[in-house]
Amino acid sequence: MKKDFISRGRSVSDIKIHLVLTTKYRRKVLTASMIDRLHEVFESLLDKWECKIVEFNGESDHVHLLFQYHPEIQLSKLVNSLKSVSSRKLRQEFLLELEKTYYKKKVVWNSSYFLASCGGVTISTLRKYIENQDKPVD
């Protein structure tokens, strides 16, 4: 199994983040076409930020995005970019569908979001690995 590390300058990292975005008022507005388009938008944006999409899917009122990023990136700015650009693209391309659900202000996303770090191993496995290091003897 190949590890996909991100190497930049003097650091190498493998940090994955799980992001959940919910629609405004949790309204069931997202269609299959919108979710497919969101996948394209997120993939393109993450590429510009030198990040990589790992997995993406969604339902009518929320989406899940798993991506890899470098620690130099400020997550709040990245998430803000993902939300604002994707919302703008959906409003441009799916205006009629959104107008059926939203009235004057066609806001797609809730102002909040969920983020969780994800690792390749469990905390207990990592803890055991660190505990079993060959500590020097004085």
N, C-alpha and C. Protein backbone atom coordinates (compact mmCIF):
# COMPACT_ATOMS: atom_id res chain seq x y z
N MET A 1 0.84 -1.19 0.00
CA MET A 1 0.00 0.00 0.00
C MET A 1 0.88 1.25 0.00
N LYS A 2 0.67 2.12 -0.96
CA LYS A 2 1.48 3.31 -1.11
C LYS A 2 0.98 4.43 -0.19
N LYS A 3 1.90 5.05 0.51
CA LYS A 3 1.54 6.21 1.34
C LYS A 3 1.65 7.46 0.50
N ASP A 4 0.68 8.31 0.59
CA ASP A 4 0.68 9.56 -0.15
C ASP A 4 1.02 10.70 0.79
N PHE A 5 2.30 10.90 1.01
CA PHE A 5 2.74 11.98 1.87
C PHE A 5 2.85 13.26 1.06
N ILE A 6 2.68 14.38 1.74
CA ILE A 6 2.89 15.67 1.11
C ILE A 6 4.23 16.18 1.61
N SER A 7 5.12 16.47 0.68
CA SER A 7 6.44 16.96 1.03
C SER A 7 6.58 18.39 0.54
N ARG A 8 6.94 19.28 1.47
CA ARG A 8 7.09 20.69 1.13
C ARG A 8 8.24 21.25 1.94
N GLY A 9 9.28 21.67 1.26
CA GLY A 9 10.42 22.26 1.96
C GLY A 9 11.04 21.27 2.91
N ARG A 10 10.99 21.58 4.18
CA ARG A 10 11.61 20.74 5.20
C ARG A 10 10.63 19.89 5.98
N SER A 11 9.42 19.76 5.46
CA SER A 11 8.43 18.97 6.20
C SER A 11 7.75 17.95 5.29
N VAL A 12 7.39 16.84 5.91
CA VAL A 12 6.62 15.80 5.24
C VAL A 12 5.41 15.53 6.12
N SER A 13 4.23 15.47 5.52
CA SER A 13 3.03 15.30 6.34
C SER A 13 2.04 14.36 5.65
N ASP A 14 1.15 13.84 6.46
CA ASP A 14 0.03 13.04 6.00
C ASP A 14 -1.15 13.35 6.91
N ILE A 15 -1.80 14.48 6.66
CA ILE A 15 -2.90 14.94 7.51
C ILE A 15 -4.18 14.92 6.69
N LYS A 16 -5.16 14.21 7.21
CA LYS A 16 -6.45 14.12 6.53
C LYS A 16 -7.54 14.74 7.41
N ILE A 17 -8.46 15.44 6.76
CA ILE A 17 -9.52 16.15 7.46
C ILE A 17 -10.87 15.71 6.90
N HIS A 18 -11.81 15.51 7.80
CA HIS A 18 -13.20 15.20 7.43
C HIS A 18 -14.01 16.47 7.64
N LEU A 19 -14.57 17.00 6.57
CA LEU A 19 -15.37 18.22 6.61
C LEU A 19 -16.82 17.88 6.27
N VAL A 20 -17.75 18.37 7.08
CA VAL A 20 -19.17 18.21 6.80
C VAL A 20 -19.78 19.60 6.68
N LEU A 21 -20.45 19.83 5.57
CA LEU A 21 -21.17 21.08 5.35
C LEU A 21 -22.65 20.76 5.25
N THR A 22 -23.46 21.54 5.95
CA THR A 22 -24.91 21.35 5.89
C THR A 22 -25.55 22.53 5.17
N THR A 23 -26.67 22.27 4.52
CA THR A 23 -27.37 23.33 3.82
C THR A 23 -28.04 24.27 4.82
N LYS A 24 -28.30 25.48 4.38
CA LYS A 24 -28.96 26.48 5.22
C LYS A 24 -30.31 25.93 5.68
N TYR A 25 -30.58 26.02 6.96
CA TYR A 25 -31.80 25.51 7.59
C TYR A 25 -31.97 24.00 7.38
N ARG A 26 -30.91 23.34 6.99
CA ARG A 26 -30.90 21.89 6.74
C ARG A 26 -31.97 21.51 5.70
N ARG A 27 -32.23 22.44 4.80
CA ARG A 27 -33.22 22.18 3.75
C ARG A 27 -32.68 21.16 2.76
N LYS A 28 -33.56 20.31 2.27
CA LYS A 28 -33.18 19.24 1.34
C LYS A 28 -33.17 19.80 -0.08
N VAL A 29 -32.10 20.51 -0.40
CA VAL A 29 -32.01 21.23 -1.67
C VAL A 29 -31.03 20.60 -2.66
N LEU A 30 -30.08 19.83 -2.19
CA LEU A 30 -29.05 19.28 -3.07
C LEU A 30 -29.59 18.11 -3.90
N THR A 31 -29.35 18.18 -5.20
CA THR A 31 -29.73 17.11 -6.11
C THR A 31 -28.48 16.31 -6.48
N ALA A 32 -28.67 15.20 -7.16
CA ALA A 32 -27.53 14.39 -7.60
C ALA A 32 -26.61 15.20 -8.51
N SER A 33 -27.19 16.00 -9.38
CA SER A 33 -26.39 16.84 -10.28
C SER A 33 -25.57 17.86 -9.51
N MET A 34 -26.18 18.45 -8.47
CA MET A 34 -25.46 19.42 -7.65
C MET A 34 -24.31 18.75 -6.90
N ILE A 35 -24.55 17.58 -6.38
CA ILE A 35 -23.51 16.86 -5.64
C ILE A 35 -22.36 16.48 -6.58
N ASP A 36 -22.68 16.06 -7.79
CA ASP A 36 -21.63 15.77 -8.78
C ASP A 36 -20.83 17.03 -9.09
N ARG A 37 -21.52 18.15 -9.24
CA ARG A 37 -20.83 19.42 -9.54
C ARG A 37 -19.97 19.86 -8.35
N LEU A 38 -20.49 19.67 -7.14
CA LEU A 38 -19.71 20.02 -5.95
C LEU A 38 -18.42 19.21 -5.89
N HIS A 39 -18.49 17.95 -6.27
CA HIS A 39 -17.28 17.12 -6.29
C HIS A 39 -16.23 17.74 -7.21
N GLU A 40 -16.65 18.18 -8.39
CA GLU A 40 -15.73 18.82 -9.34
C GLU A 40 -15.16 20.13 -8.77
N VAL A 41 -16.03 20.94 -8.18
CA VAL A 41 -15.61 22.23 -7.63
C VAL A 41 -14.62 22.02 -6.48
N PHE A 42 -14.95 21.12 -5.56
CA PHE A 42 -14.06 20.86 -4.43
C PHE A 42 -12.72 20.30 -4.89
N GLU A 43 -12.76 19.39 -5.85
CA GLU A 43 -11.51 18.80 -6.36
C GLU A 43 -10.61 19.88 -6.98
N SER A 44 -11.21 20.75 -7.77
CA SER A 44 -10.47 21.83 -8.41
C SER A 44 -9.89 22.81 -7.38
N LEU A 45 -10.71 23.18 -6.41
CA LEU A 45 -10.25 24.12 -5.37
C LEU A 45 -9.12 23.52 -4.53
N LEU A 46 -9.30 22.28 -4.12
CA LEU A 46 -8.28 21.63 -3.31
C LEU A 46 -6.98 21.51 -4.08
N ASP A 47 -7.07 21.27 -5.36
CA ASP A 47 -5.87 21.21 -6.19
C ASP A 47 -5.15 22.56 -6.19
N LYS A 48 -5.89 23.65 -6.28
CA LYS A 48 -5.29 24.99 -6.24
C LYS A 48 -4.61 25.27 -4.90
N TRP A 49 -5.13 24.70 -3.83
CA TRP A 49 -4.54 24.86 -2.49
C TRP A 49 -3.45 23.81 -2.24
N GLU A 50 -3.12 23.03 -3.26
CA GLU A 50 -2.14 21.95 -3.16
C GLU A 50 -2.57 20.89 -2.14
N CYS A 51 -3.86 20.62 -2.14
CA CYS A 51 -4.45 19.59 -1.29
C CYS A 51 -4.99 18.51 -2.21
N LYS A 52 -5.45 17.42 -1.61
CA LYS A 52 -5.94 16.32 -2.43
C LYS A 52 -7.24 15.77 -1.83
N ILE A 53 -8.24 15.62 -2.70
CA ILE A 53 -9.50 15.02 -2.25
C ILE A 53 -9.28 13.51 -2.11
N VAL A 54 -9.76 12.96 -1.00
CA VAL A 54 -9.65 11.53 -0.75
C VAL A 54 -10.99 10.86 -1.04
N GLU A 55 -12.06 11.47 -0.55
CA GLU A 55 -13.41 10.92 -0.76
C GLU A 55 -14.42 12.06 -0.65
N PHE A 56 -15.52 11.93 -1.38
CA PHE A 56 -16.58 12.93 -1.32
C PHE A 56 -17.92 12.25 -1.61
N ASN A 57 -18.95 12.67 -0.87
CA ASN A 57 -20.30 12.21 -1.13
C ASN A 57 -21.26 13.13 -0.38
N GLY A 58 -22.53 12.99 -0.65
CA GLY A 58 -23.48 13.85 0.04
C GLY A 58 -24.90 13.34 -0.06
N GLU A 59 -25.77 14.00 0.68
CA GLU A 59 -27.21 13.75 0.65
C GLU A 59 -27.89 15.07 0.33
N SER A 60 -29.19 15.08 0.39
CA SER A 60 -29.93 16.28 -0.03
C SER A 60 -29.71 17.48 0.89
N ASP A 61 -29.24 17.25 2.13
CA ASP A 61 -29.07 18.38 3.05
C ASP A 61 -27.66 18.52 3.63
N HIS A 62 -26.71 17.71 3.17
CA HIS A 62 -25.33 17.86 3.65
C HIS A 62 -24.36 17.10 2.75
N VAL A 63 -23.07 17.47 2.86
CA VAL A 63 -22.02 16.77 2.13
C VAL A 63 -20.88 16.43 3.07
N HIS A 64 -20.17 15.35 2.74
CA HIS A 64 -18.97 14.92 3.46
C HIS A 64 -17.79 15.02 2.51
N LEU A 65 -16.72 15.65 2.97
CA LEU A 65 -15.51 15.78 2.17
C LEU A 65 -14.32 15.34 3.01
N LEU A 66 -13.60 14.34 2.53
CA LEU A 66 -12.38 13.89 3.18
C LEU A 66 -11.23 14.31 2.29
N PHE A 67 -10.30 15.10 2.84
CA PHE A 67 -9.19 15.58 2.03
C PHE A 67 -7.90 15.61 2.82
N GLN A 68 -6.81 15.64 2.08
CA GLN A 68 -5.47 15.70 2.66
C GLN A 68 -4.93 17.11 2.45
N TYR A 69 -4.27 17.65 3.47
CA TYR A 69 -3.73 19.00 3.35
C TYR A 69 -2.38 19.10 4.05
N HIS A 70 -1.70 20.20 3.78
CA HIS A 70 -0.40 20.45 4.39
C HIS A 70 -0.58 21.37 5.60
N PRO A 71 0.19 21.17 6.67
CA PRO A 71 -0.02 21.95 7.90
C PRO A 71 0.22 23.45 7.77
N GLU A 72 0.85 23.89 6.69
CA GLU A 72 1.05 25.34 6.50
C GLU A 72 -0.26 26.05 6.15
N ILE A 73 -1.23 25.29 5.71
CA ILE A 73 -2.51 25.87 5.29
C ILE A 73 -3.38 26.15 6.51
N GLN A 74 -3.97 27.34 6.52
CA GLN A 74 -4.89 27.69 7.60
C GLN A 74 -6.26 27.13 7.25
N LEU A 75 -6.70 26.13 8.02
CA LEU A 75 -7.93 25.40 7.70
C LEU A 75 -9.16 26.30 7.60
N SER A 76 -9.27 27.28 8.48
CA SER A 76 -10.46 28.14 8.44
C SER A 76 -10.54 28.90 7.12
N LYS A 77 -9.41 29.33 6.58
CA LYS A 77 -9.41 30.02 5.28
C LYS A 77 -9.75 29.06 4.15
N LEU A 78 -9.22 27.85 4.22
CA LEU A 78 -9.52 26.85 3.20
C LEU A 78 -11.01 26.50 3.21
N VAL A 79 -11.57 26.27 4.39
CA VAL A 79 -13.00 25.94 4.50
C VAL A 79 -13.85 27.10 3.99
N ASN A 80 -13.48 28.32 4.35
CA ASN A 80 -14.22 29.49 3.87
C ASN A 80 -14.20 29.56 2.35
N SER A 81 -13.06 29.26 1.75
CA SER A 81 -12.95 29.25 0.30
C SER A 81 -13.83 28.15 -0.31
N LEU A 82 -13.78 26.95 0.27
CA LEU A 82 -14.60 25.85 -0.22
C LEU A 82 -16.09 26.20 -0.17
N LYS A 83 -16.52 26.80 0.94
CA LYS A 83 -17.93 27.15 1.10
C LYS A 83 -18.35 28.27 0.15
N SER A 84 -17.57 29.33 0.09
CA SER A 84 -17.99 30.49 -0.71
C SER A 84 -17.95 30.19 -2.21
N VAL A 85 -16.89 29.56 -2.68
CA VAL A 85 -16.80 29.27 -4.12
C VAL A 85 -17.87 28.25 -4.53
N SER A 86 -18.05 27.20 -3.74
CA SER A 86 -19.05 26.18 -4.10
C SER A 86 -20.47 26.77 -4.07
N SER A 87 -20.74 27.62 -3.11
CA SER A 87 -22.05 28.26 -3.03
C SER A 87 -22.29 29.14 -4.25
N ARG A 88 -21.29 29.92 -4.62
CA ARG A 88 -21.41 30.81 -5.78
C ARG A 88 -21.63 29.99 -7.06
N LYS A 89 -20.87 28.91 -7.23
CA LYS A 89 -21.01 28.06 -8.42
C LYS A 89 -22.40 27.44 -8.50
N LEU A 90 -22.89 26.94 -7.36
CA LEU A 90 -24.23 26.33 -7.35
C LEU A 90 -25.29 27.38 -7.69
N ARG A 91 -25.16 28.58 -7.14
CA ARG A 91 -26.14 29.63 -7.42
C ARG A 91 -26.10 30.03 -8.90
N GLN A 92 -24.91 30.04 -9.51
CA GLN A 92 -24.79 30.38 -10.93
C GLN A 92 -25.38 29.30 -11.82
N GLU A 93 -25.16 28.05 -11.46
CA GLU A 93 -25.50 26.94 -12.35
C GLU A 93 -26.84 26.27 -12.05
N PHE A 94 -27.37 26.46 -10.84
CA PHE A 94 -28.61 25.78 -10.45
C PHE A 94 -29.61 26.77 -9.82
N LEU A 95 -29.66 27.95 -10.37
CA LEU A 95 -30.49 29.02 -9.79
C LEU A 95 -31.95 28.63 -9.68
N LEU A 96 -32.51 28.03 -10.72
CA LEU A 96 -33.94 27.68 -10.69
C LEU A 96 -34.26 26.68 -9.59
N GLU A 97 -33.41 25.66 -9.43
CA GLU A 97 -33.64 24.66 -8.39
C GLU A 97 -33.53 25.28 -7.00
N LEU A 98 -32.57 26.18 -6.83
CA LEU A 98 -32.38 26.82 -5.52
C LEU A 98 -33.51 27.79 -5.20
N GLU A 99 -34.05 28.45 -6.21
CA GLU A 99 -35.14 29.40 -5.98
C GLU A 99 -36.40 28.70 -5.47
N LYS A 100 -36.56 27.42 -5.78
CA LYS A 100 -37.72 26.68 -5.30
C LYS A 100 -37.67 26.48 -3.79
N THR A 101 -36.45 26.42 -3.23
CA THR A 101 -36.28 26.15 -1.81
C THR A 101 -36.00 27.41 -1.01
N TYR A 102 -35.20 28.30 -1.57
CA TYR A 102 -34.83 29.52 -0.87
C TYR A 102 -35.57 30.70 -1.50
N TYR A 103 -35.82 31.70 -0.69
CA TYR A 103 -36.57 32.83 -1.17
C TYR A 103 -35.63 33.90 -1.71
N LYS A 104 -35.58 35.06 -1.10
CA LYS A 104 -34.79 36.17 -1.62
C LYS A 104 -33.29 35.89 -1.57
N LYS A 105 -32.80 35.48 -0.44
CA LYS A 105 -31.37 35.25 -0.29
C LYS A 105 -31.09 33.77 -0.52
N LYS A 106 -30.42 33.46 -1.60
CA LYS A 106 -30.15 32.07 -1.98
C LYS A 106 -28.84 31.59 -1.37
N VAL A 107 -28.80 31.47 -0.07
CA VAL A 107 -27.61 30.99 0.63
C VAL A 107 -27.66 29.46 0.63
N VAL A 108 -26.57 28.83 0.22
CA VAL A 108 -26.55 27.38 0.14
C VAL A 108 -26.17 26.75 1.47
N TRP A 109 -25.06 27.20 2.07
CA TRP A 109 -24.51 26.54 3.26
C TRP A 109 -24.90 27.23 4.56
N ASN A 110 -25.03 26.42 5.59
CA ASN A 110 -25.17 26.91 6.95
C ASN A 110 -23.87 27.64 7.30
N SER A 111 -23.92 28.58 8.22
CA SER A 111 -22.71 29.34 8.56
C SER A 111 -21.69 28.50 9.33
N SER A 112 -22.12 27.40 9.93
CA SER A 112 -21.20 26.56 10.69
C SER A 112 -20.78 25.35 9.86
N TYR A 113 -19.80 24.61 10.37
CA TYR A 113 -19.33 23.41 9.71
C TYR A 113 -18.71 22.48 10.74
N PHE A 114 -18.48 21.23 10.35
CA PHE A 114 -17.85 20.24 11.22
C PHE A 114 -16.52 19.83 10.59
N LEU A 115 -15.46 19.80 11.43
CA LEU A 115 -14.14 19.35 11.00
C LEU A 115 -13.62 18.33 12.00
N ALA A 116 -13.00 17.26 11.49
CA ALA A 116 -12.36 16.28 12.36
C ALA A 116 -11.09 15.79 11.67
N SER A 117 -10.04 15.66 12.46
CA SER A 117 -8.81 15.11 11.90
C SER A 117 -8.95 13.60 11.83
N CYS A 118 -8.34 13.01 10.82
CA CYS A 118 -8.44 11.57 10.60
C CYS A 118 -7.04 11.01 10.41
N GLY A 119 -6.77 9.91 11.06
CA GLY A 119 -5.46 9.29 10.93
C GLY A 119 -5.54 7.90 10.35
N GLY A 120 -4.38 7.37 9.98
CA GLY A 120 -4.32 6.05 9.41
C GLY A 120 -4.34 4.95 10.46
N VAL A 121 -4.03 5.30 11.70
CA VAL A 121 -4.04 4.32 12.79
C VAL A 121 -4.84 4.88 13.95
N THR A 122 -5.22 3.99 14.86
CA THR A 122 -5.97 4.44 16.03
C THR A 122 -5.03 5.11 17.03
N ILE A 123 -5.59 5.89 17.92
CA ILE A 123 -4.80 6.56 18.95
C ILE A 123 -4.10 5.53 19.83
N SER A 124 -4.78 4.44 20.17
CA SER A 124 -4.15 3.42 21.03
C SER A 124 -2.96 2.78 20.33
N THR A 125 -3.04 2.54 19.04
CA THR A 125 -1.90 1.98 18.29
C THR A 125 -0.74 2.96 18.27
N LEU A 126 -1.04 4.22 18.02
CA LEU A 126 0.00 5.25 18.01
C LEU A 126 0.61 5.42 19.39
N ARG A 127 -0.22 5.42 20.42
CA ARG A 127 0.27 5.53 21.79
C ARG A 127 1.23 4.39 22.13
N LYS A 128 0.85 3.16 21.77
CA LYS A 128 1.69 1.99 22.01
C LYS A 128 3.02 2.11 21.26
N TYR A 129 2.97 2.58 20.01
CA TYR A 129 4.18 2.76 19.21
C TYR A 129 5.13 3.74 19.88
N ILE A 130 4.58 4.85 20.36
CA ILE A 130 5.41 5.87 21.03
C ILE A 130 5.96 5.35 22.35
N GLU A 131 5.13 4.64 23.11
CA GLU A 131 5.57 4.06 24.39
C GLU A 131 6.72 3.07 24.20
N ASN A 132 6.72 2.35 23.10
CA ASN A 132 7.71 1.30 22.85
C ASN A 132 8.97 1.79 22.13
N GLN A 133 9.17 3.08 22.09
CA GLN A 133 10.40 3.60 21.48
C GLN A 133 11.60 3.20 22.31
N ASP A 134 12.72 3.03 21.66
CA ASP A 134 13.96 2.61 22.34
C ASP A 134 14.62 3.83 22.99
N LYS A 135 14.15 4.14 24.20
CA LYS A 135 14.63 5.31 24.93
C LYS A 135 16.09 5.08 25.36
N PRO A 136 16.96 6.07 25.13
CA PRO A 136 18.36 5.90 25.53
C PRO A 136 18.50 5.74 27.04
N VAL A 137 19.48 4.96 27.43
CA VAL A 137 19.78 4.76 28.84
C VAL A 137 20.99 5.61 29.20
N ASP A 138 20.90 6.37 30.30
CA ASP A 138 22.02 7.21 30.73
C ASP A 138 23.16 6.39 31.28
